[in-house]
Protein backbone atom coordinates (compact mmCIF):
# COMPACT_ATOMS: atom_id res chain seq x y z
CA MET A 1 233.00 -44.56 124.26
CA ARG A 2 232.81 -43.30 119.89
CA LEU A 3 231.11 -46.59 119.79
CA SER A 4 227.75 -45.78 122.05
CA VAL A 5 227.44 -42.45 120.22
CA ARG A 6 227.25 -44.03 117.20
CA THR A 7 224.91 -46.78 118.18
CA LEU A 8 222.26 -44.04 119.93
CA ALA A 9 222.54 -41.99 116.83
CA LEU A 10 221.34 -44.66 114.28
CA PRO A 11 218.13 -45.47 116.19
CA ALA A 12 217.13 -42.06 116.49
CA ALA A 13 217.85 -41.23 112.54
CA ALA A 14 215.28 -44.94 111.95
CA LEU A 15 212.92 -43.37 114.40
CA ALA A 16 212.80 -40.08 112.21
CA ALA A 17 212.58 -41.94 109.16
CA ALA A 18 209.59 -44.59 110.64
CA LEU A 19 207.61 -41.09 111.68
CA SER A 20 208.23 -39.44 107.92
CA LEU A 21 206.89 -42.84 106.30
CA THR A 22 203.92 -42.77 108.31
CA ALA A 23 202.65 -38.88 107.82
CA CYS A 24 203.03 -39.79 104.23
CA GLN A 25 200.89 -42.80 103.91
CA SER A 26 197.98 -41.23 106.51
CA SER A 27 197.95 -38.61 103.60
CA SER A 28 197.66 -40.83 100.45
CA ASP A 29 195.30 -43.17 102.17
CA PRO A 30 191.89 -42.95 100.52
CA ASP A 31 190.05 -44.78 102.84
CA ALA A 32 190.95 -42.50 105.83
CA ALA A 33 188.10 -40.69 107.44
CA PRO A 34 188.04 -37.12 106.75
CA ALA A 35 188.36 -34.95 109.04
CA PRO A 36 185.19 -33.44 110.94
CA THR A 37 183.77 -29.99 109.47
CA SER A 38 181.78 -28.15 111.87
CA ALA A 39 178.20 -28.07 110.99
CA SER A 40 176.91 -24.63 109.69
CA PRO A 41 173.98 -24.19 112.13
CA ARG A 42 170.24 -24.54 110.49
CA GLN A 43 168.77 -21.35 109.17
CA THR A 44 164.98 -21.23 110.27
CA THR A 45 162.60 -19.42 108.02
CA ALA A 46 159.49 -18.32 109.66
CA ALA A 47 156.48 -19.24 107.87
CA THR A 48 154.73 -16.83 106.57
CA PRO A 49 151.18 -16.30 107.48
CA THR A 50 148.82 -16.76 104.47
CA THR A 51 146.00 -14.19 104.20
CA PRO A 52 142.80 -16.15 103.76
CA ALA A 53 140.87 -15.81 99.79
CA THR A 54 138.25 -13.41 100.00
CA PRO A 55 135.05 -15.35 98.95
CA ALA A 56 133.72 -14.71 95.55
CA THR A 57 131.00 -12.51 95.65
CA THR A 58 127.53 -13.78 93.63
CA ALA A 59 125.74 -11.00 91.97
CA PRO A 60 121.95 -11.20 93.20
CA ASP A 61 119.64 -12.65 90.42
CA PRO A 62 117.48 -9.82 88.84
CA ALA A 63 114.07 -9.42 89.95
CA PRO A 64 111.90 -11.49 88.31
CA THR A 65 110.03 -9.87 85.83
CA THR A 66 105.96 -10.92 85.81
CA ALA A 67 104.60 -11.27 82.62
CA PRO A 68 101.05 -9.21 81.96
CA ALA A 69 98.17 -11.58 82.33
CA THR A 70 96.70 -13.09 79.35
CA THR A 71 93.08 -12.72 79.09
CA PRO A 72 91.68 -15.84 76.97
CA ALA A 73 89.44 -15.00 74.25
CA THR A 74 86.03 -15.50 74.36
CA LYS A 75 84.77 -18.70 72.39
CA PRO A 76 81.82 -18.34 70.52
CA PRO A 77 78.87 -20.22 71.84
CA LYS A 78 78.54 -23.53 70.30
CA LYS A 79 75.76 -24.37 67.68
CA THR A 80 73.04 -26.66 68.87
CA THR A 81 71.79 -29.11 66.00
CA ALA A 82 68.69 -30.45 66.48
CA PRO A 83 68.75 -34.40 66.42
CA PRO A 84 67.11 -35.69 63.42
CA PRO A 85 63.44 -37.04 62.96
CA ALA A 86 63.38 -40.71 63.89
CA ASP A 87 62.93 -43.14 61.53
CA ASN A 88 59.93 -44.61 61.48
CA GLY A 89 60.43 -47.35 58.77
CA GLY A 90 59.01 -45.29 55.85
CA ASN A 91 55.62 -45.52 57.12
CA GLY A 92 54.72 -42.00 55.79
CA ASP A 93 53.98 -40.40 59.46
CA ASP A 94 57.13 -38.69 60.63
CA THR A 95 55.44 -37.04 63.33
CA ALA A 96 54.22 -40.26 64.93
CA PRO A 97 57.00 -42.45 65.94
CA ALA A 98 55.99 -46.39 67.11
CA LEU A 99 55.48 -47.05 70.42
CA THR A 100 54.84 -50.28 71.36
CA PRO A 101 55.86 -53.69 69.56
CA CYS A 102 53.49 -55.54 67.76
CA THR A 103 51.60 -58.21 69.68
CA ALA A 104 48.56 -60.74 69.75
CA LYS A 105 46.53 -57.46 71.29
CA ASN A 106 47.29 -55.85 68.05
CA VAL A 107 47.77 -57.19 65.14
CA LYS A 108 46.93 -60.60 62.98
CA VAL A 109 48.90 -63.53 61.90
CA VAL A 110 48.65 -65.77 58.74
CA ALA A 111 50.27 -68.74 57.68
CA SER A 112 50.07 -69.43 53.95
CA LYS A 113 51.15 -71.23 51.20
CA VAL A 114 53.62 -70.05 48.20
CA SER A 115 53.62 -71.59 44.81
CA ARG A 116 57.60 -70.56 44.85
CA PRO A 117 60.00 -71.38 46.25
CA ILE A 118 59.01 -74.93 47.15
CA ASN A 119 58.69 -76.31 50.84
CA HIS A 120 58.11 -72.65 52.32
CA LEU A 121 55.29 -70.79 54.33
CA ALA A 122 54.73 -67.14 54.22
CA LEU A 123 53.77 -65.55 57.77
CA THR A 124 52.03 -62.52 57.16
CA VAL A 125 51.27 -59.86 60.52
CA THR A 126 48.85 -57.15 59.68
CA ASN A 127 48.39 -54.28 62.45
CA VAL A 128 44.55 -54.49 63.32
CA GLY A 129 44.93 -51.65 65.83
CA ASP A 130 44.75 -47.90 65.65
CA ARG A 131 48.19 -46.96 66.52
CA PRO A 132 51.69 -47.90 64.95
CA CYS A 133 53.34 -50.62 66.18
CA ASP A 134 57.22 -52.34 65.58
CA ALA A 135 57.38 -55.71 63.73
CA VAL A 136 60.54 -56.63 66.25
CA GLY A 137 63.73 -58.65 65.04
CA ALA A 138 62.19 -62.18 63.58
CA PRO A 139 59.25 -64.22 65.08
CA LEU A 140 60.51 -67.42 67.29
CA VAL A 141 58.54 -70.22 65.65
CA GLY A 142 57.25 -73.77 66.95
CA PHE A 143 54.89 -76.38 65.24
CA ASP A 144 52.35 -78.03 67.44
CA GLN A 145 53.22 -78.95 70.78
CA SER A 146 57.36 -78.51 70.19
CA GLN A 147 59.13 -76.93 72.64
CA ALA A 148 62.18 -75.51 71.06
CA PRO A 149 61.68 -72.38 68.15
CA ILE A 150 63.26 -73.51 64.93
CA ARG A 151 66.88 -71.85 63.33
CA ILE A 152 66.50 -68.01 62.47
CA VAL A 153 68.46 -67.33 59.27
CA GLU A 154 70.62 -64.19 60.46
CA GLU A 155 71.25 -63.05 57.00
CA SER A 156 67.86 -61.95 56.27
CA LYS A 157 68.46 -59.16 59.21
CA PRO A 158 66.83 -55.64 57.53
CA GLN A 159 68.81 -52.37 58.47
CA ALA A 160 65.82 -51.34 59.98
CA VAL A 161 62.83 -52.49 62.36
CA VAL A 162 59.90 -52.30 60.11
CA THR A 163 57.13 -50.35 61.42
CA LEU A 164 53.23 -50.68 60.73
CA THR A 165 51.09 -47.89 60.87
CA PRO A 166 47.35 -49.88 60.79
CA GLY A 167 46.26 -51.53 58.14
CA GLU A 168 50.02 -52.21 57.05
CA SER A 169 51.47 -56.16 56.82
CA ALA A 170 54.98 -57.27 56.98
CA TYR A 171 55.98 -60.72 55.91
CA ALA A 172 58.89 -63.77 57.14
CA SER A 173 59.26 -66.65 54.98
CA LEU A 174 59.15 -70.01 56.55
CA ILE A 175 61.76 -72.58 55.50
CA LEU A 176 59.84 -76.27 56.22
CA THR A 177 62.88 -78.37 55.58
CA GLY A 178 66.25 -78.70 55.09
CA GLU A 179 68.18 -80.60 52.77
CA PRO A 180 66.92 -83.64 51.30
CA GLY A 181 68.80 -86.77 52.63
CA GLY A 182 69.63 -88.28 56.05
CA ASP A 183 67.47 -88.68 59.48
CA THR A 184 65.74 -85.42 59.35
CA HIS A 185 62.82 -86.49 61.56
CA GLY A 186 60.28 -84.80 59.19
CA MET A 187 56.13 -85.07 60.46
CA THR A 188 53.29 -83.56 59.39
CA VAL A 189 51.87 -80.45 61.23
CA ARG A 190 48.68 -78.69 62.13
CA THR A 191 49.36 -75.63 63.81
CA VAL A 192 52.10 -73.11 63.87
CA LYS A 193 53.19 -71.16 67.10
CA VAL A 194 54.47 -67.64 66.43
CA ASN A 195 56.06 -65.47 69.12
CA LEU A 196 55.68 -61.58 68.47
CA THR A 197 57.89 -61.14 71.48
CA THR A 198 59.04 -63.14 74.40
CA ASP A 199 55.25 -62.77 75.99
CA SER A 200 53.27 -62.64 73.26
CA MET A 201 52.47 -65.76 71.17
CA VAL A 202 49.81 -66.54 68.55
CA THR A 203 48.96 -70.17 67.04
CA VAL A 204 47.52 -70.28 63.83
CA PRO A 205 46.61 -72.93 61.59
CA ALA A 206 49.18 -74.51 59.43
CA PRO A 207 47.98 -75.41 55.73
CA THR A 208 46.50 -78.63 55.00
CA GLY A 209 49.62 -81.16 54.18
CA THR A 210 52.76 -78.84 55.57
CA TYR A 211 55.31 -81.06 56.05
CA VAL A 212 58.58 -80.09 58.42
CA ASP A 213 61.47 -81.60 59.59
CA ASP A 214 64.71 -80.62 61.76
CA GLY A 215 65.85 -78.56 59.13
CA ALA A 216 62.93 -75.67 59.18
CA ALA A 217 63.85 -72.51 59.18
CA VAL A 218 62.28 -68.52 59.54
CA SER A 219 63.47 -65.44 58.48
CA TYR A 220 63.44 -61.84 59.70
CA TRP A 221 60.17 -59.37 59.33
CA GLN A 222 60.57 -57.65 56.01
CA ARG A 223 58.49 -54.77 54.82
CA GLU A 224 58.03 -56.52 51.57
CA LEU A 225 56.77 -60.31 50.55
CA ALA A 226 59.22 -60.61 47.85
CA ASP A 227 62.32 -59.82 50.09
CA ALA A 228 61.05 -62.53 52.72
CA LEU A 229 60.70 -65.48 50.14
CA GLN A 230 64.71 -64.90 49.19
CA TYR A 231 65.56 -66.92 51.70
């Protein structure tokens, strides 16, 4: 009977020790899940209504000020200057300008020999009419039956057209030959054809023994014979 009581008492003491050890392990285990905590209810904050911003007020532009109109100053009338009188080539009659070019109807043309320079002729045109006329440009010159006019010496062009009053003359230099040598197709001629304008030609006799070649040329009309013979 005593043996049975001890036997039962020993298991009870072992069980109590086992429970105590388990409690200690549970309290010291770091991996043990924490006890659930009651979550506090979420506090909800009501949104405060936003008052819309008041738009900025733009001050109205000041009324434009209209500047008083300026009355332009009255300009004095321009002075009108009368044009200078026409240049009539120094013919001594400033009130009677040339009316027509010199043509076969109102002039006489002569071809004559000169002593110097050699191989030159002088062409003289004289106003035989009763009104002034212009010796326009340079005459177009040919010989005998030639069709093409000879060369014009452009360097001889005067500064102004020569105007001839009745009885006055103008002059042109007629160069008969060019530089010597070469095939110049020279020939002796009997007549000189002088075109005063495109539609007015005069044919005059050539001085005896007049010899010309492909180098022949003629100057512009000049007021003085000496000026014409410079070319």
